[in-house]
Amino acid sequence: MWWDGPWNWFPWMWVFPLLFLVVFALFLFRGPRWLMCGHGDHGRPQSAREILDSRYSKGEISREEYQRMRKDME
């Protein structure tokens, strides 16, 4: 039987080009950022409200300061 010869890997030879094409397509359509760890919009600047909410949730500012700053932004 031909499966026992030195060409037994031959039917699986199409796997490597297929994997290469998948990685290449991801790189083309998603850009190089898909390789990096983490998710989200790291390139998008945060709005003032998002920064304020983040600081309040981390405990950097008190509730009174948060409300005063939020009122000032409106």
PDB file of N, CA and C in Angstrom:
ATOM      1  N   MET A   1       0.829  -1.183   0.000  1.00  0.00           N
ATOM      2  CA  MET A   1       0.000   0.000   0.000  1.00  0.00           C
ATOM      3  C   MET A   1       0.876   1.251   0.000  1.00  0.00           C
ATOM      4  N   TRP A   2       0.478   2.297  -0.673  1.00  0.00           N
ATOM      5  CA  TRP A   2       1.309   3.480  -0.832  1.00  0.00           C
ATOM      6  C   TRP A   2       1.390   4.348   0.419  1.00  0.00           C
ATOM      7  N   TRP A   3       0.551   4.142   1.438  1.00  0.00           N
ATOM      8  CA  TRP A   3       0.615   4.922   2.682  1.00  0.00           C
ATOM      9  C   TRP A   3       1.862   4.587   3.494  1.00  0.00           C
ATOM     10  N   ASP A   4       2.471   3.422   3.264  1.00  0.00           N
ATOM     11  CA  ASP A   4       3.624   3.015   4.045  1.00  0.00           C
ATOM     12  C   ASP A   4       4.938   3.516   3.460  1.00  0.00           C
ATOM     13  N   GLY A   5       4.922   4.139   2.326  1.00  0.00           N
ATOM     14  CA  GLY A   5       6.142   4.581   1.670  1.00  0.00           C
ATOM     15  C   GLY A   5       6.599   5.945   2.177  1.00  0.00           C
ATOM     16  N   PRO A   6       7.653   6.480   1.559  1.00  0.00           N
ATOM     17  CA  PRO A   6       8.178   7.784   1.981  1.00  0.00           C
ATOM     18  C   PRO A   6       7.252   8.945   1.638  1.00  0.00           C
ATOM     19  N   TRP A   7       6.220   8.699   0.851  1.00  0.00           N
ATOM     20  CA  TRP A   7       5.292   9.752   0.462  1.00  0.00           C
ATOM     21  C   TRP A   7       4.025   9.757   1.318  1.00  0.00           C
ATOM     22  N   ASN A   8       4.078   9.191   2.511  1.00  0.00           N
ATOM     23  CA  ASN A   8       2.858   9.123   3.321  1.00  0.00           C
ATOM     24  C   ASN A   8       2.410  10.499   3.812  1.00  0.00           C
ATOM     25  N   TRP A   9       3.275  11.496   3.800  1.00  0.00           N
ATOM     26  CA  TRP A   9       2.901  12.849   4.214  1.00  0.00           C
ATOM     27  C   TRP A   9       2.295  13.649   3.066  1.00  0.00           C
ATOM     28  N   PHE A  10       2.382  13.145   1.872  1.00  0.00           N
ATOM     29  CA  PHE A  10       1.951  13.883   0.681  1.00  0.00           C
ATOM     30  C   PHE A  10       0.500  14.375   0.739  1.00  0.00           C
ATOM     31  N   PRO A  11      -0.483  13.574   1.194  1.00  0.00           N
ATOM     32  CA  PRO A  11      -1.866  14.098   1.232  1.00  0.00           C
ATOM     33  C   PRO A  11      -2.037  15.274   2.192  1.00  0.00           C
ATOM     34  N   TRP A  12      -1.155  15.419   3.166  1.00  0.00           N
ATOM     35  CA  TRP A  12      -1.258  16.506   4.136  1.00  0.00           C
ATOM     36  C   TRP A  12      -0.469  17.743   3.704  1.00  0.00           C
ATOM     37  N   MET A  13       0.131  17.692   2.546  1.00  0.00           N
ATOM     38  CA  MET A  13       0.960  18.785   2.079  1.00  0.00           C
ATOM     39  C   MET A  13       0.165  20.075   1.864  1.00  0.00           C
ATOM     40  N   TRP A  14      -1.119  20.027   1.673  1.00  0.00           N
ATOM     41  CA  TRP A  14      -1.948  21.208   1.438  1.00  0.00           C
ATOM     42  C   TRP A  14      -2.216  21.990   2.718  1.00  0.00           C
ATOM     43  N   VAL A  15      -1.953  21.411   3.892  1.00  0.00           N
ATOM     44  CA  VAL A  15      -2.254  22.076   5.160  1.00  0.00           C
ATOM     45  C   VAL A  15      -1.377  23.317   5.356  1.00  0.00           C
ATOM     46  N   PHE A  16      -0.094  23.239   5.053  1.00  0.00           N
ATOM     47  CA  PHE A  16       0.812  24.355   5.289  1.00  0.00           C
ATOM     48  C   PHE A  16       0.494  25.577   4.421  1.00  0.00           C
ATOM     49  N   PRO A  17       0.256  25.418   3.141  1.00  0.00           N
ATOM     50  CA  PRO A  17      -0.148  26.606   2.366  1.00  0.00           C
ATOM     51  C   PRO A  17      -1.487  27.182   2.838  1.00  0.00           C
ATOM     52  N   LEU A  18      -2.382  26.332   3.269  1.00  0.00           N
ATOM     53  CA  LEU A  18      -3.667  26.810   3.764  1.00  0.00           C
ATOM     54  C   LEU A  18      -3.487  27.637   5.034  1.00  0.00           C
ATOM     55  N   LEU A  19      -2.674  27.171   5.955  1.00  0.00           N
ATOM     56  CA  LEU A  19      -2.398  27.942   7.173  1.00  0.00           C
ATOM     57  C   LEU A  19      -1.724  29.266   6.841  1.00  0.00           C
ATOM     58  N   PHE A  20      -0.801  29.240   5.900  1.00  0.00           N
ATOM     59  CA  PHE A  20      -0.141  30.466   5.480  1.00  0.00           C
ATOM     60  C   PHE A  20      -1.152  31.458   4.911  1.00  0.00           C
ATOM     61  N   LEU A  21      -2.074  30.983   4.099  1.00  0.00           N
ATOM     62  CA  LEU A  21      -3.080  31.872   3.513  1.00  0.00           C
ATOM     63  C   LEU A  21      -4.003  32.463   4.566  1.00  0.00           C
ATOM     64  N   VAL A  22      -4.353  31.688   5.568  1.00  0.00           N
ATOM     65  CA  VAL A  22      -5.213  32.193   6.646  1.00  0.00           C
ATOM     66  C   VAL A  22      -4.498  33.300   7.419  1.00  0.00           C
ATOM     67  N   VAL A  23      -3.255  33.067   7.783  1.00  0.00           N
ATOM     68  CA  VAL A  23      -2.488  34.086   8.502  1.00  0.00           C
ATOM     69  C   VAL A  23      -2.294  35.323   7.637  1.00  0.00           C
ATOM     70  N   PHE A  24      -2.006  35.132   6.376  1.00  0.00           N
ATOM     71  CA  PHE A  24      -1.827  36.254   5.457  1.00  0.00           C
ATOM     72  C   PHE A  24      -3.121  37.060   5.314  1.00  0.00           C
ATOM     73  N   ALA A  25      -4.253  36.380   5.214  1.00  0.00           N
ATOM     74  CA  ALA A  25      -5.541  37.074   5.099  1.00  0.00           C
ATOM     75  C   ALA A  25      -5.853  37.861   6.366  1.00  0.00           C
ATOM     76  N   LEU A  26      -5.579  37.279   7.522  1.00  0.00           N
ATOM     77  CA  LEU A  26      -5.791  38.016   8.778  1.00  0.00           C
ATOM     78  C   LEU A  26      -4.920  39.255   8.829  1.00  0.00           C
ATOM     79  N   PHE A  27      -3.697  39.126   8.405  1.00  0.00           N
ATOM     80  CA  PHE A  27      -2.794  40.268   8.413  1.00  0.00           C
ATOM     81  C   PHE A  27      -3.278  41.358   7.464  1.00  0.00           C
ATOM     82  N   LEU A  28      -3.802  40.966   6.305  1.00  0.00           N
ATOM     83  CA  LEU A  28      -4.283  41.949   5.338  1.00  0.00           C
ATOM     84  C   LEU A  28      -5.527  42.677   5.818  1.00  0.00           C
ATOM     85  N   PHE A  29      -6.484  41.931   6.339  1.00  0.00           N
ATOM     86  CA  PHE A  29      -7.771  42.527   6.682  1.00  0.00           C
ATOM     87  C   PHE A  29      -7.818  43.125   8.079  1.00  0.00           C
ATOM     88  N   ARG A  30      -7.062  42.591   9.016  1.00  0.00           N
ATOM     89  CA  ARG A  30      -7.085  43.106  10.380  1.00  0.00           C
ATOM     90  C   ARG A  30      -5.897  44.001  10.690  1.00  0.00           C
ATOM     91  N   GLY A  31      -4.866  43.945   9.897  1.00  0.00           N
ATOM     92  CA  GLY A  31      -3.668  44.725  10.143  1.00  0.00           C
ATOM     93  C   GLY A  31      -2.770  44.012  11.138  1.00  0.00           C
ATOM     94  N   PRO A  32      -1.619  44.589  11.423  1.00  0.00           N
ATOM     95  CA  PRO A  32      -0.674  43.922  12.323  1.00  0.00           C
ATOM     96  C   PRO A  32      -1.125  43.923  13.776  1.00  0.00           C
ATOM     97  N   ARG A  33      -2.154  44.696  14.126  1.00  0.00           N
ATOM     98  CA  ARG A  33      -2.581  44.778  15.522  1.00  0.00           C
ATOM     99  C   ARG A  33      -3.197  43.484  16.027  1.00  0.00           C
ATOM    100  N   TRP A  34      -3.665  42.596  15.142  1.00  0.00           N
ATOM    101  CA  TRP A  34      -4.288  41.351  15.609  1.00  0.00           C
ATOM    102  C   TRP A  34      -3.264  40.439  16.249  1.00  0.00           C
ATOM    103  N   LEU A  35      -1.979  40.675  15.993  1.00  0.00           N
ATOM    104  CA  LEU A  35      -0.933  39.864  16.601  1.00  0.00           C
ATOM    105  C   LEU A  35      -0.678  40.264  18.050  1.00  0.00           C
ATOM    106  N   MET A  36      -0.996  41.499  18.394  1.00  0.00           N
ATOM    107  CA  MET A  36      -0.698  42.003  19.728  1.00  0.00           C
ATOM    108  C   MET A  36      -1.696  41.491  20.746  1.00  0.00           C
ATOM    109  N   CYS A  37      -1.274  41.445  21.982  1.00  0.00           N
ATOM    110  CA  CYS A  37      -2.154  41.001  23.072  1.00  0.00           C
ATOM    111  C   CYS A  37      -3.123  42.113  23.423  1.00  0.00           C
ATOM    112  N   GLY A  38      -4.249  41.728  23.969  1.00  0.00           N
ATOM    113  CA  GLY A  38      -5.232  42.699  24.410  1.00  0.00           C
ATOM    114  C   GLY A  38      -6.234  43.020  23.327  1.00  0.00           C
ATOM    115  N   HIS A  39      -7.323  43.602  23.733  1.00  0.00           N
ATOM    116  CA  HIS A  39      -8.380  43.958  22.808  1.00  0.00           C
ATOM    117  C   HIS A  39      -8.835  45.370  23.120  1.00  0.00           C
ATOM    118  N   GLY A  40      -9.600  45.916  22.232  1.00  0.00           N
ATOM    119  CA  GLY A  40     -10.156  47.234  22.454  1.00  0.00           C
ATOM    120  C   GLY A  40      -9.530  48.266  21.528  1.00  0.00           C
ATOM    121  N   ASP A  41     -10.005  49.491  21.658  1.00  0.00           N
ATOM    122  CA  ASP A  41      -9.530  50.598  20.835  1.00  0.00           C
ATOM    123  C   ASP A  41      -8.437  51.341  21.578  1.00  0.00           C
ATOM    124  N   HIS A  42      -7.212  50.845  21.484  1.00  0.00           N
ATOM    125  CA  HIS A  42      -6.111  51.501  22.162  1.00  0.00           C
ATOM    126  C   HIS A  42      -5.660  52.736  21.402  1.00  0.00           C
ATOM    127  N   GLY A  43      -5.946  52.813  20.124  1.00  0.00           N
ATOM    128  CA  GLY A  43      -5.528  53.955  19.331  1.00  0.00           C
ATOM    129  C   GLY A  43      -6.494  55.124  19.416  1.00  0.00           C
ATOM    130  N   ARG A  44      -7.706  54.878  19.863  1.00  0.00           N
ATOM    131  CA  ARG A  44      -8.729  55.927  19.935  1.00  0.00           C
ATOM    132  C   ARG A  44      -8.533  56.747  21.207  1.00  0.00           C
ATOM    133  N   PRO A  45      -8.464  58.070  21.096  1.00  0.00           N
ATOM    134  CA  PRO A  45      -8.329  58.887  22.314  1.00  0.00           C
ATOM    135  C   PRO A  45      -9.608  58.836  23.149  1.00  0.00           C
ATOM    136  N   GLN A  46      -9.430  58.878  24.451  1.00  0.00           N
ATOM    137  CA  GLN A  46     -10.584  58.837  25.351  1.00  0.00           C
ATOM    138  C   GLN A  46     -11.201  60.226  25.468  1.00  0.00           C
ATOM    139  N   SER A  47     -12.514  60.231  25.668  1.00  0.00           N
ATOM    140  CA  SER A  47     -13.195  61.498  25.886  1.00  0.00           C
ATOM    141  C   SER A  47     -12.986  61.917  27.340  1.00  0.00           C
ATOM    142  N   ALA A  48     -13.294  63.165  27.622  1.00  0.00           N
ATOM    143  CA  ALA A  48     -13.127  63.674  28.985  1.00  0.00           C
ATOM    144  C   ALA A  48     -14.018  62.904  29.959  1.00  0.00           C
ATOM    145  N   ARG A  49     -15.206  62.548  29.498  1.00  0.00           N
ATOM    146  CA  ARG A  49     -16.140  61.803  30.370  1.00  0.00           C
ATOM    147  C   ARG A  49     -15.582  60.411  30.686  1.00  0.00           C
ATOM    148  N   GLU A  50     -14.981  59.748  29.702  1.00  0.00           N
ATOM    149  CA  GLU A  50     -14.403  58.426  29.937  1.00  0.00           C
ATOM    150  C   GLU A  50     -13.233  58.500  30.911  1.00  0.00           C
ATOM    151  N   ILE A  51     -12.417  59.538  30.783  1.00  0.00           N
ATOM    152  CA  ILE A  51     -11.296  59.714  31.706  1.00  0.00           C
ATOM    153  C   ILE A  51     -11.807  59.972  33.113  1.00  0.00           C
ATOM    154  N   LEU A  52     -12.822  60.806  33.222  1.00  0.00           N
ATOM    155  CA  LEU A  52     -13.403  61.103  34.539  1.00  0.00           C
ATOM    156  C   LEU A  52     -14.005  59.849  35.162  1.00  0.00           C
ATOM    157  N   ASP A  53     -14.747  59.084  34.390  1.00  0.00           N
ATOM    158  CA  ASP A  53     -15.328  57.842  34.902  1.00  0.00           C
ATOM    159  C   ASP A  53     -14.250  56.859  35.333  1.00  0.00           C
ATOM    160  N   SER A  54     -13.190  56.794  34.569  1.00  0.00           N
ATOM    161  CA  SER A  54     -12.092  55.890  34.902  1.00  0.00           C
ATOM    162  C   SER A  54     -11.412  56.307  36.204  1.00  0.00           C
ATOM    163  N   ARG A  55     -11.178  57.582  36.360  1.00  0.00           N
ATOM    164  CA  ARG A  55     -10.531  58.063  37.591  1.00  0.00           C
ATOM    165  C   ARG A  55     -11.408  57.817  38.816  1.00  0.00           C
ATOM    166  N   TYR A  56     -12.716  57.994  38.652  1.00  0.00           N
ATOM    167  CA  TYR A  56     -13.629  57.752  39.771  1.00  0.00           C
ATOM    168  C   TYR A  56     -13.693  56.270  40.116  1.00  0.00           C
ATOM    169  N   SER A  57     -13.714  55.421  39.106  1.00  0.00           N
ATOM    170  CA  SER A  57     -13.794  53.984  39.371  1.00  0.00           C
ATOM    171  C   SER A  57     -12.501  53.452  39.997  1.00  0.00           C
ATOM    172  N   LYS A  58     -11.377  54.085  39.714  1.00  0.00           N
ATOM    173  CA  LYS A  58     -10.111  53.677  40.331  1.00  0.00           C
ATOM    174  C   LYS A  58      -9.941  54.229  41.744  1.00  0.00           C
ATOM    175  N   GLY A  59     -10.800  55.159  42.124  1.00  0.00           N
ATOM    176  CA  GLY A  59     -10.713  55.741  43.468  1.00  0.00           C
ATOM    177  C   GLY A  59      -9.755  56.914  43.546  1.00  0.00           C
ATOM    178  N   GLU A  60      -9.387  57.485  42.429  1.00  0.00           N
ATOM    179  CA  GLU A  60      -8.466  58.615  42.422  1.00  0.00           C
ATOM    180  C   GLU A  60      -9.133  59.904  42.868  1.00  0.00           C
ATOM    181  N   ILE A  61     -10.438  60.011  42.654  1.00  0.00           N
ATOM    182  CA  ILE A  61     -11.172  61.208  43.070  1.00  0.00           C
ATOM    183  C   ILE A  61     -12.381  60.776  43.890  1.00  0.00           C
ATOM    184  N   SER A  62     -12.835  61.683  44.739  1.00  0.00           N
ATOM    185  CA  SER A  62     -13.988  61.386  45.601  1.00  0.00           C
ATOM    186  C   SER A  62     -15.291  61.557  44.823  1.00  0.00           C
ATOM    187  N   ARG A  63     -16.371  61.164  45.477  1.00  0.00           N
ATOM    188  CA  ARG A  63     -17.685  61.262  44.831  1.00  0.00           C
ATOM    189  C   ARG A  63     -18.066  62.719  44.590  1.00  0.00           C
ATOM    190  N   GLU A  64     -17.751  63.572  45.539  1.00  0.00           N
ATOM    191  CA  GLU A  64     -18.070  65.002  45.404  1.00  0.00           C
ATOM    192  C   GLU A  64     -17.281  65.630  44.250  1.00  0.00           C
ATOM    193  N   GLU A  65     -15.995  65.288  44.159  1.00  0.00           N
ATOM    194  CA  GLU A  65     -15.189  65.808  43.062  1.00  0.00           C
ATOM    195  C   GLU A  65     -15.719  65.307  41.719  1.00  0.00           C
ATOM    196  N   TYR A  66     -16.100  64.033  41.681  1.00  0.00           N
ATOM    197  CA  TYR A  66     -16.635  63.449  40.456  1.00  0.00           C
ATOM    198  C   TYR A  66     -17.903  64.176  40.014  1.00  0.00           C
ATOM    199  N   GLN A  67     -18.817  64.395  40.950  1.00  0.00           N
ATOM    200  CA  GLN A  67     -20.066  65.059  40.593  1.00  0.00           C
ATOM    201  C   GLN A  67     -19.831  66.499  40.174  1.00  0.00           C
ATOM    202  N   ARG A  68     -18.920  67.197  40.861  1.00  0.00           N
ATOM    203  CA  ARG A  68     -18.630  68.573  40.514  1.00  0.00           C
ATOM    204  C   ARG A  68     -18.007  68.678  39.114  1.00  0.00           C
ATOM    205  N   MET A  69     -17.055  67.802  38.833  1.00  0.00           N
ATOM    206  CA  MET A  69     -16.415  67.827  37.515  1.00  0.00           C
ATOM    207  C   MET A  69     -17.388  67.436  36.410  1.00  0.00           C
ATOM    208  N   ARG A  70     -18.257  66.464  36.699  1.00  0.00           N
ATOM    209  CA  ARG A  70     -19.231  66.056  35.698  1.00  0.00           C
ATOM    210  C   ARG A  70     -20.214  67.184  35.405  1.00  0.00           C
ATOM    211  N   LYS A  71     -20.603  67.900  36.449  1.00  0.00           N
ATOM    212  CA  LYS A  71     -21.518  69.038  36.269  1.00  0.00           C
ATOM    213  C   LYS A  71     -20.838  70.154  35.465  1.00  0.00           C
ATOM    214  N   ASP A  72     -19.532  70.352  35.690  1.00  0.00           N
ATOM    215  CA  ASP A  72     -18.795  71.376  34.957  1.00  0.00           C
ATOM    216  C   ASP A  72     -18.695  71.041  33.475  1.00  0.00           C
ATOM    217  N   MET A  73     -18.624  69.759  33.158  1.00  0.00           N
ATOM    218  CA  MET A  73     -18.520  69.357  31.753  1.00  0.00           C
ATOM    219  C   MET A  73     -19.827  69.537  31.001  1.00  0.00           C
ATOM    220  N   GLU A  74     -20.943  69.508  31.686  1.00  0.00           N
ATOM    221  CA  GLU A  74     -22.247  69.630  31.023  1.00  0.00           C
ATOM    222  C   GLU A  74     -22.580  71.032  30.718  1.00  0.00           C
TER     223      GLU A  74
END
